[in-house]
Protein backbone atom coordinates (compact mmCIF):
# COMPACT_ATOMS: atom_id res chain seq x y z
CA MET A 1 8.08 -3.49 19.81
CA ASP A 2 5.95 -6.34 18.14
CA GLU A 3 2.98 -5.53 20.70
CA ARG A 4 3.18 -1.93 20.08
CA ARG A 5 2.78 -2.18 16.18
CA SER A 6 0.20 -4.75 16.33
CA ASP A 7 -1.67 -2.39 18.78
CA TYR A 8 -1.15 0.73 16.37
CA PHE A 9 -2.43 -1.28 13.39
CA ARG A 10 -5.41 -2.67 16.11
CA THR A 11 -6.43 0.87 16.30
CA ILE A 12 -6.49 1.91 12.77
CA VAL A 13 -8.81 -1.29 12.12
CA PHE A 14 -11.47 -0.59 14.86
CA MET A 15 -11.42 3.12 13.35
CA CYS A 16 -11.84 2.01 9.90
CA GLY A 17 -15.06 0.02 11.42
CA ASP A 18 -16.25 3.04 13.21
CA ILE A 19 -16.35 4.90 9.85
CA LEU A 20 -17.55 2.11 8.19
CA GLY A 21 -20.65 2.04 10.59
CA GLU A 22 -21.25 5.94 9.83
CA ILE A 23 -21.03 5.12 5.53
CA GLY A 24 -23.13 1.96 5.54
CA ASP A 25 -25.71 3.82 3.92
CA ILE A 26 -24.35 5.55 1.50
CA THR A 27 -25.14 3.16 -1.74
CA GLU A 28 -22.31 4.68 -3.95
CA LEU A 29 -19.61 2.87 -1.62
CA ALA A 30 -22.07 -0.01 -1.78
CA GLY A 31 -19.34 -2.19 -2.80
CA GLU A 32 -16.57 -0.97 -0.87
CA ASN A 33 -18.43 -1.50 2.54
CA ARG A 34 -19.14 -5.10 1.32
CA SER A 35 -15.09 -5.53 0.88
CA MET A 36 -13.84 -3.52 3.68
CA GLU A 37 -16.31 -5.21 6.03
CA ALA A 38 -14.72 -8.69 5.29
CA LEU A 39 -11.42 -7.06 5.48
CA LEU A 40 -12.13 -5.88 8.87
CA ASP A 41 -13.74 -8.99 10.33
CA ALA A 42 -11.01 -11.38 8.90
CA LEU A 43 -8.33 -8.93 10.53
CA GLY A 44 -10.44 -8.81 13.62
CA GLU A 45 -10.12 -12.69 13.91
CA LEU A 46 -6.16 -11.96 13.99
CA GLY A 47 -3.84 -12.18 17.18
CA SER A 48 -0.91 -10.78 15.35
CA PHE A 49 -0.17 -8.78 12.24
CA ASP A 50 2.40 -8.55 9.45
CA ILE A 51 3.54 -6.14 6.79
CA GLY A 52 0.66 -7.49 4.50
CA HIS A 53 -2.27 -7.23 6.23
CA VAL A 54 -0.90 -3.23 6.79
CA LEU A 55 -0.66 -3.34 2.76
CA SER A 56 -4.10 -4.58 2.22
CA LEU A 57 -5.86 -2.52 4.52
CA GLU A 58 -3.75 0.61 2.81
CA ALA A 59 -4.97 -0.72 -0.34
CA ALA A 60 -8.78 -0.92 0.31
CA LEU A 61 -8.44 2.65 2.02
CA GLY A 62 -7.00 3.76 -1.53
CA ARG A 63 -9.96 2.41 -3.09
CA TYR A 64 -12.32 3.98 -0.53
CA GLN A 65 -10.51 7.29 -0.86
CA ALA A 66 -10.57 7.17 -4.96
CA ARG A 67 -14.73 6.82 -4.72
CA LEU A 68 -14.84 9.59 -2.02
CA SER A 69 -13.04 11.89 -4.00
CA ALA A 70 -15.51 11.41 -7.15
CA LEU A 71 -17.87 11.63 -4.56
CA PHE A 72 -16.62 14.92 -3.56
CA THR A 73 -16.53 16.28 -6.68
CA ARG A 74 -19.81 15.74 -7.79
CA TYR A 75 -20.88 17.07 -4.02
CA PRO A 76 -18.45 19.74 -2.94
CA ASP A 77 -20.79 21.09 -0.54
CA VAL A 78 -21.88 18.63 1.36
CA PRO A 79 -20.04 18.67 4.56
CA PHE A 80 -19.95 15.00 5.46
CA VAL A 81 -18.25 13.90 2.01
CA ASP A 82 -15.52 16.41 2.77
CA THR A 83 -14.87 14.88 6.60
CA LEU A 84 -15.32 11.28 5.27
CA LEU A 85 -12.59 12.34 2.57
CA ARG A 86 -10.34 13.62 5.45
CA ARG A 87 -10.23 10.95 7.26
CA MET A 88 -9.92 8.50 5.00
CA MET A 89 -6.61 10.08 3.59
CA SER A 90 -5.69 10.55 7.20
CA LEU A 91 -6.33 6.44 7.99
CA ARG A 92 -3.84 5.83 4.76
CA ALA A 93 -1.53 8.19 6.39
CA MET A 94 -1.56 5.80 9.28
CA CYS A 95 -1.42 2.67 7.46
CA ALA A 96 1.72 4.16 5.78
CA ASP A 97 3.50 5.01 9.29
CA CYS A 98 2.58 1.31 10.15
CA VAL A 99 4.23 0.09 7.35
CA GLU A 100 7.54 1.66 8.21
CA MET A 101 7.25 0.46 11.53
CA PHE A 102 6.78 -2.97 10.22
CA ARG A 103 9.81 -2.94 8.33
């Protein structure tokens, strides 16, 4: 079970890094990008994870989601912002599932 939940969380971390690569040039997200990059780098160096790691990533994704929601309010006709917001919400849901696995 430990390996399965670590693999699941590692997948979430990988997907977050993938998104970060796509949004690195959005200046409105620069602060969140730096924080997320530091968190993902730290998580990438770990061999195993615990519930605290999952909660830290979920909190960072929550901050991203809030910023993306604000961007979506300003640019509702930009499909890229809508897609990013949906992906961020999906990753947060995956983190919530992962938290349950670690309990």
